[in-house]
Amino acid sequence: MSTLAEQERKLLDLLTHSVHRTFADARASGVPADVFADVESIVRSMTSALPTSHIYDQLVGPFYDTSGLTRWWGVSRQAVAKAVSTGAVIACQLDGGGWVYPTWQFTDSGTVYPDLLALWSTLRAEADAWTCASWLRSPLADLDDCSAASWVAEGRPIEPVLELARADARRWAA
């Protein structure tokens, strides 16, 4: 497993290479320097896609915030809000009113694992978002101490996990 410092170094190396390539292409194409004049805005845009830190990171995170998710998906805040309201994305609301989206729900292409959404809707029928997100990330003895989120991401069969989710949802409802 990589340390946070190692991940930072990898990211900076790849980012540096990408920025150098972008500027080389711009120079070769005769792009004027003022296109890149608002450097702070460019940095904000680039870093908004990074997972953010919240108190729940240890158990449920890391997370994207709404700004990061809109940039990654290339959609409006309203489109993200619609995805939340229709259950098309796993979202948890912070005390201050903002929303966060656990990174583990997303495939590399930015879609949400459909089986996670099935589990999410089963659990959400009986519990709050934080409880459900915690359940999805907690090691489950019946899954050889694998979390439901990891189980789904590894492409394993959904039925055993769905049965566990249904049983806990029934227990929570009682």
C-alpha atoms as a PDB file:
ATOM      1  CA  MET A   1       0.000   0.000   0.000  1.00  0.00           C
ATOM      2  CA  SER A   2       1.285   3.459  -0.836  1.00  0.00           C
ATOM      3  CA  THR A   3       1.636   6.214   1.723  1.00  0.00           C
ATOM      4  CA  LEU A   4      -0.043   9.564   1.279  1.00  0.00           C
ATOM      5  CA  ALA A   5       3.356  11.116   0.540  1.00  0.00           C
ATOM      6  CA  GLU A   6       4.007   8.523  -2.184  1.00  0.00           C
ATOM      7  CA  GLN A   7       0.596   9.174  -3.741  1.00  0.00           C
ATOM      8  CA  GLU A   8       1.278  12.913  -3.663  1.00  0.00           C
ATOM      9  CA  ARG A   9       4.625  12.414  -5.423  1.00  0.00           C
ATOM     10  CA  LYS A  10       3.005  10.248  -8.123  1.00  0.00           C
ATOM     11  CA  LEU A  11       0.261  12.804  -8.656  1.00  0.00           C
ATOM     12  CA  LEU A  12       2.706  15.702  -8.840  1.00  0.00           C
ATOM     13  CA  ASP A  13       4.942  13.814 -11.289  1.00  0.00           C
ATOM     14  CA  LEU A  14       2.022  13.022 -13.592  1.00  0.00           C
ATOM     15  CA  LEU A  15       0.590  16.521 -13.246  1.00  0.00           C
ATOM     16  CA  THR A  16       3.951  18.140 -13.981  1.00  0.00           C
ATOM     17  CA  HIS A  17       4.348  16.010 -17.103  1.00  0.00           C
ATOM     18  CA  SER A  18       0.820  16.856 -18.250  1.00  0.00           C
ATOM     19  CA  VAL A  19       1.238  20.598 -17.636  1.00  0.00           C
ATOM     20  CA  HIS A  20       4.577  20.637 -19.492  1.00  0.00           C
ATOM     21  CA  ARG A  21       2.979  18.813 -22.430  1.00  0.00           C
ATOM     22  CA  THR A  22       0.033  21.242 -22.464  1.00  0.00           C
ATOM     23  CA  PHE A  23       2.330  24.267 -22.496  1.00  0.00           C
ATOM     24  CA  ALA A  24       4.562  22.728 -25.189  1.00  0.00           C
ATOM     25  CA  ASP A  25       1.488  22.120 -27.355  1.00  0.00           C
ATOM     26  CA  ALA A  26       0.301  25.684 -26.697  1.00  0.00           C
ATOM     27  CA  ARG A  27       3.673  27.123 -27.711  1.00  0.00           C
ATOM     28  CA  ALA A  28       3.760  24.978 -30.858  1.00  0.00           C
ATOM     29  CA  SER A  29       0.263  26.134 -31.775  1.00  0.00           C
ATOM     30  CA  GLY A  30       1.000  29.816 -31.099  1.00  0.00           C
ATOM     31  CA  VAL A  31      -1.468  30.097 -28.204  1.00  0.00           C
ATOM     32  CA  PRO A  32      -1.007  33.496 -26.508  1.00  0.00           C
ATOM     33  CA  ALA A  33       0.252  33.494 -22.895  1.00  0.00           C
ATOM     34  CA  ASP A  34      -2.797  35.384 -21.638  1.00  0.00           C
ATOM     35  CA  VAL A  35      -4.866  32.214 -22.147  1.00  0.00           C
ATOM     36  CA  PHE A  36      -3.102  30.967 -19.018  1.00  0.00           C
ATOM     37  CA  ALA A  37      -3.124  34.329 -17.190  1.00  0.00           C
ATOM     38  CA  ASP A  38      -5.550  33.334 -14.437  1.00  0.00           C
ATOM     39  CA  VAL A  39      -3.238  30.758 -12.880  1.00  0.00           C
ATOM     40  CA  GLU A  40      -5.111  30.702  -9.556  1.00  0.00           C
ATOM     41  CA  SER A  41      -8.364  29.825 -11.305  1.00  0.00           C
ATOM     42  CA  ILE A  42      -6.633  27.054 -13.241  1.00  0.00           C
ATOM     43  CA  VAL A  43      -5.220  25.625  -9.997  1.00  0.00           C
ATOM     44  CA  ARG A  44      -8.656  25.781  -8.315  1.00  0.00           C
ATOM     45  CA  SER A  45     -10.161  23.913 -11.256  1.00  0.00           C
ATOM     46  CA  MET A  46      -7.455  21.280 -11.237  1.00  0.00           C
ATOM     47  CA  THR A  47      -7.558  20.655  -7.499  1.00  0.00           C
ATOM     48  CA  SER A  48     -11.349  20.653  -7.230  1.00  0.00           C
ATOM     49  CA  ALA A  49     -11.347  17.115  -8.622  1.00  0.00           C
ATOM     50  CA  LEU A  50      -9.174  15.848  -5.765  1.00  0.00           C
ATOM     51  CA  PRO A  51     -10.912  14.006  -2.950  1.00  0.00           C
ATOM     52  CA  THR A  52     -11.508  16.282   0.027  1.00  0.00           C
ATOM     53  CA  SER A  53     -10.931  15.617   3.715  1.00  0.00           C
ATOM     54  CA  HIS A  54     -13.745  15.423   6.207  1.00  0.00           C
ATOM     55  CA  ILE A  55     -14.163  14.006   9.689  1.00  0.00           C
ATOM     56  CA  TYR A  56     -15.762  10.879   8.219  1.00  0.00           C
ATOM     57  CA  ASP A  57     -12.768  10.070   5.993  1.00  0.00           C
ATOM     58  CA  GLN A  58     -11.443   7.314   8.228  1.00  0.00           C
ATOM     59  CA  LEU A  59     -14.644   5.280   8.081  1.00  0.00           C
ATOM     60  CA  VAL A  60     -16.505   6.299   4.945  1.00  0.00           C
ATOM     61  CA  GLY A  61     -14.221   8.527   2.860  1.00  0.00           C
ATOM     62  CA  PRO A  62     -12.436   9.858   1.039  1.00  0.00           C
ATOM     63  CA  PHE A  63     -14.954  12.065  -0.722  1.00  0.00           C
ATOM     64  CA  TYR A  64     -15.492  14.380  -3.626  1.00  0.00           C
ATOM     65  CA  ASP A  65     -17.387  17.547  -2.853  1.00  0.00           C
ATOM     66  CA  THR A  66     -20.009  18.924  -5.234  1.00  0.00           C
ATOM     67  CA  SER A  67     -17.552  21.231  -6.962  1.00  0.00           C
ATOM     68  CA  GLY A  68     -15.125  18.393  -7.591  1.00  0.00           C
ATOM     69  CA  LEU A  69     -17.840  16.069  -8.848  1.00  0.00           C
ATOM     70  CA  THR A  70     -19.315  18.647 -11.231  1.00  0.00           C
ATOM     71  CA  ARG A  71     -15.884  19.242 -12.743  1.00  0.00           C
ATOM     72  CA  TRP A  72     -15.081  15.517 -13.051  1.00  0.00           C
ATOM     73  CA  TRP A  73     -18.447  14.705 -14.589  1.00  0.00           C
ATOM     74  CA  GLY A  74     -18.548  17.915 -16.638  1.00  0.00           C
ATOM     75  CA  VAL A  75     -22.086  18.702 -15.456  1.00  0.00           C
ATOM     76  CA  SER A  76     -23.889  21.400 -13.505  1.00  0.00           C
ATOM     77  CA  ARG A  77     -24.577  21.436  -9.780  1.00  0.00           C
ATOM     78  CA  GLN A  78     -28.226  20.884 -10.671  1.00  0.00           C
ATOM     79  CA  ALA A  79     -27.337  17.688 -12.533  1.00  0.00           C
ATOM     80  CA  VAL A  80     -25.473  16.404  -9.475  1.00  0.00           C
ATOM     81  CA  ALA A  81     -28.424  17.381  -7.241  1.00  0.00           C
ATOM     82  CA  LYS A  82     -30.751  15.460  -9.571  1.00  0.00           C
ATOM     83  CA  ALA A  83     -28.469  12.409  -9.373  1.00  0.00           C
ATOM     84  CA  VAL A  84     -28.679  12.647  -5.574  1.00  0.00           C
ATOM     85  CA  SER A  85     -32.471  13.029  -5.538  1.00  0.00           C
ATOM     86  CA  THR A  86     -33.003  10.102  -7.896  1.00  0.00           C
ATOM     87  CA  GLY A  87     -30.599   7.824  -6.031  1.00  0.00           C
ATOM     88  CA  ALA A  88     -28.166   7.659  -8.942  1.00  0.00           C
ATOM     89  CA  VAL A  89     -25.220   8.570  -6.712  1.00  0.00           C
ATOM     90  CA  ILE A  90     -24.326   7.914  -3.093  1.00  0.00           C
ATOM     91  CA  ALA A  91     -24.285  11.224  -1.245  1.00  0.00           C
ATOM     92  CA  CYS A  92     -24.063  12.287   2.382  1.00  0.00           C
ATOM     93  CA  GLN A  93     -24.934  15.732   3.685  1.00  0.00           C
ATOM     94  CA  LEU A  94     -22.559  17.511   6.042  1.00  0.00           C
ATOM     95  CA  ASP A  95     -23.714  19.478   9.083  1.00  0.00           C
ATOM     96  CA  GLY A  96     -23.105  22.748   7.216  1.00  0.00           C
ATOM     97  CA  GLY A  97     -25.444  21.671   4.413  1.00  0.00           C
ATOM     98  CA  GLY A  98     -22.834  20.722   1.819  1.00  0.00           C
ATOM     99  CA  TRP A  99     -22.780  17.343   0.141  1.00  0.00           C
ATOM    100  CA  VAL A 100     -19.981  14.805  -0.214  1.00  0.00           C
ATOM    101  CA  TYR A 101     -19.765  11.775  -2.481  1.00  0.00           C
ATOM    102  CA  PRO A 102     -17.617   8.791  -1.437  1.00  0.00           C
ATOM    103  CA  THR A 103     -14.941   8.113  -4.033  1.00  0.00           C
ATOM    104  CA  TRP A 104     -15.243   4.315  -3.700  1.00  0.00           C
ATOM    105  CA  GLN A 105     -18.627   4.277  -5.430  1.00  0.00           C
ATOM    106  CA  PHE A 106     -17.154   5.370  -8.763  1.00  0.00           C
ATOM    107  CA  THR A 107     -15.633   3.328 -11.542  1.00  0.00           C
ATOM    108  CA  ASP A 108     -12.581   4.753 -13.306  1.00  0.00           C
ATOM    109  CA  SER A 109     -14.901   6.260 -15.922  1.00  0.00           C
ATOM    110  CA  GLY A 110     -16.951   8.122 -13.310  1.00  0.00           C
ATOM    111  CA  THR A 111     -20.032   5.940 -13.308  1.00  0.00           C
ATOM    112  CA  VAL A 112     -21.411   4.523 -10.075  1.00  0.00           C
ATOM    113  CA  TYR A 113     -21.315   0.764  -9.575  1.00  0.00           C
ATOM    114  CA  PRO A 114     -24.963  -0.263 -10.176  1.00  0.00           C
ATOM    115  CA  ASP A 115     -24.820  -2.948  -7.490  1.00  0.00           C
ATOM    116  CA  LEU A 116     -23.774  -0.343  -4.933  1.00  0.00           C
ATOM    117  CA  LEU A 117     -26.853   1.678  -5.835  1.00  0.00           C
ATOM    118  CA  ALA A 118     -29.037  -1.397  -5.273  1.00  0.00           C
ATOM    119  CA  LEU A 119     -27.503  -1.830  -1.832  1.00  0.00           C
ATOM    120  CA  TRP A 120     -27.779   1.895  -1.137  1.00  0.00           C
ATOM    121  CA  SER A 121     -31.495   2.034  -1.919  1.00  0.00           C
ATOM    122  CA  THR A 122     -32.146  -1.077   0.193  1.00  0.00           C
ATOM    123  CA  LEU A 123     -30.366   0.415   3.180  1.00  0.00           C
ATOM    124  CA  ARG A 124     -31.644   3.983   2.714  1.00  0.00           C
ATOM    125  CA  ALA A 125     -35.225   2.769   3.032  1.00  0.00           C
ATOM    126  CA  GLU A 126     -34.542   2.327   6.759  1.00  0.00           C
ATOM    127  CA  ALA A 127     -31.540   4.452   7.752  1.00  0.00           C
ATOM    128  CA  ASP A 128     -29.804   7.795   7.268  1.00  0.00           C
ATOM    129  CA  ALA A 129     -27.109   8.275   4.641  1.00  0.00           C
ATOM    130  CA  TRP A 130     -24.165   8.202   7.054  1.00  0.00           C
ATOM    131  CA  THR A 131     -25.310   4.920   8.594  1.00  0.00           C
ATOM    132  CA  CYS A 132     -25.725   3.405   5.134  1.00  0.00           C
ATOM    133  CA  ALA A 133     -22.368   4.656   3.881  1.00  0.00           C
ATOM    134  CA  SER A 134     -20.718   3.308   7.028  1.00  0.00           C
ATOM    135  CA  TRP A 135     -22.403  -0.059   6.484  1.00  0.00           C
ATOM    136  CA  LEU A 136     -21.126  -0.185   2.889  1.00  0.00           C
ATOM    137  CA  ARG A 137     -17.541   0.466   4.049  1.00  0.00           C
ATOM    138  CA  SER A 138     -17.450  -1.742   7.148  1.00  0.00           C
ATOM    139  CA  PRO A 139     -15.858  -5.197   7.010  1.00  0.00           C
ATOM    140  CA  LEU A 140     -18.578  -7.856   7.096  1.00  0.00           C
ATOM    141  CA  ALA A 141     -17.846 -11.234   8.679  1.00  0.00           C
ATOM    142  CA  ASP A 142     -20.183 -12.972   6.207  1.00  0.00           C
ATOM    143  CA  LEU A 143     -18.060 -11.586   3.361  1.00  0.00           C
ATOM    144  CA  ASP A 144     -14.745 -12.782   4.812  1.00  0.00           C
ATOM    145  CA  ASP A 145     -14.246  -9.356   6.429  1.00  0.00           C
ATOM    146  CA  CYS A 146     -14.550  -7.603   3.076  1.00  0.00           C
ATOM    147  CA  SER A 147     -16.692  -4.470   2.908  1.00  0.00           C
ATOM    148  CA  ALA A 148     -19.728  -4.422   0.639  1.00  0.00           C
ATOM    149  CA  ALA A 149     -18.143  -1.591  -1.369  1.00  0.00           C
ATOM    150  CA  SER A 150     -14.945  -3.598  -1.956  1.00  0.00           C
ATOM    151  CA  TRP A 151     -16.944  -6.748  -2.714  1.00  0.00           C
ATOM    152  CA  VAL A 152     -18.903  -4.942  -5.435  1.00  0.00           C
ATOM    153  CA  ALA A 153     -15.829  -3.166  -6.854  1.00  0.00           C
ATOM    154  CA  GLU A 154     -14.122  -6.550  -7.194  1.00  0.00           C
ATOM    155  CA  GLY A 155     -17.031  -7.754  -9.345  1.00  0.00           C
ATOM    156  CA  ARG A 156     -18.245 -10.409  -6.934  1.00  0.00           C
ATOM    157  CA  PRO A 157     -21.884 -11.604  -6.928  1.00  0.00           C
ATOM    158  CA  ILE A 158     -24.323  -9.127  -5.403  1.00  0.00           C
ATOM    159  CA  GLU A 159     -26.835 -11.601  -3.947  1.00  0.00           C
ATOM    160  CA  PRO A 160     -25.012 -12.462  -0.699  1.00  0.00           C
ATOM    161  CA  VAL A 161     -24.425  -8.767   0.030  1.00  0.00           C
ATOM    162  CA  LEU A 162     -27.975  -7.832  -0.895  1.00  0.00           C
ATOM    163  CA  GLU A 163     -29.285 -10.462   1.527  1.00  0.00           C
ATOM    164  CA  LEU A 164     -27.137  -8.983   4.298  1.00  0.00           C
ATOM    165  CA  ALA A 165     -28.368  -5.478   3.454  1.00  0.00           C
ATOM    166  CA  ARG A 166     -31.999  -6.610   3.468  1.00  0.00           C
ATOM    167  CA  ALA A 167     -31.552  -8.350   6.823  1.00  0.00           C
ATOM    168  CA  ASP A 168     -29.996  -5.276   8.429  1.00  0.00           C
ATOM    169  CA  ALA A 169     -32.621  -2.970   6.897  1.00  0.00           C
ATOM    170  CA  ARG A 170     -35.348  -5.210   8.368  1.00  0.00           C
ATOM    171  CA  ARG A 171     -33.601  -5.126  11.735  1.00  0.00           C
ATOM    172  CA  TRP A 172     -33.301  -1.319  11.610  1.00  0.00           C
ATOM    173  CA  ALA A 173     -37.007  -1.009  10.762  1.00  0.00           C
ATOM    174  CA  ALA A 174     -38.069  -3.060  13.800  1.00  0.00           C
END
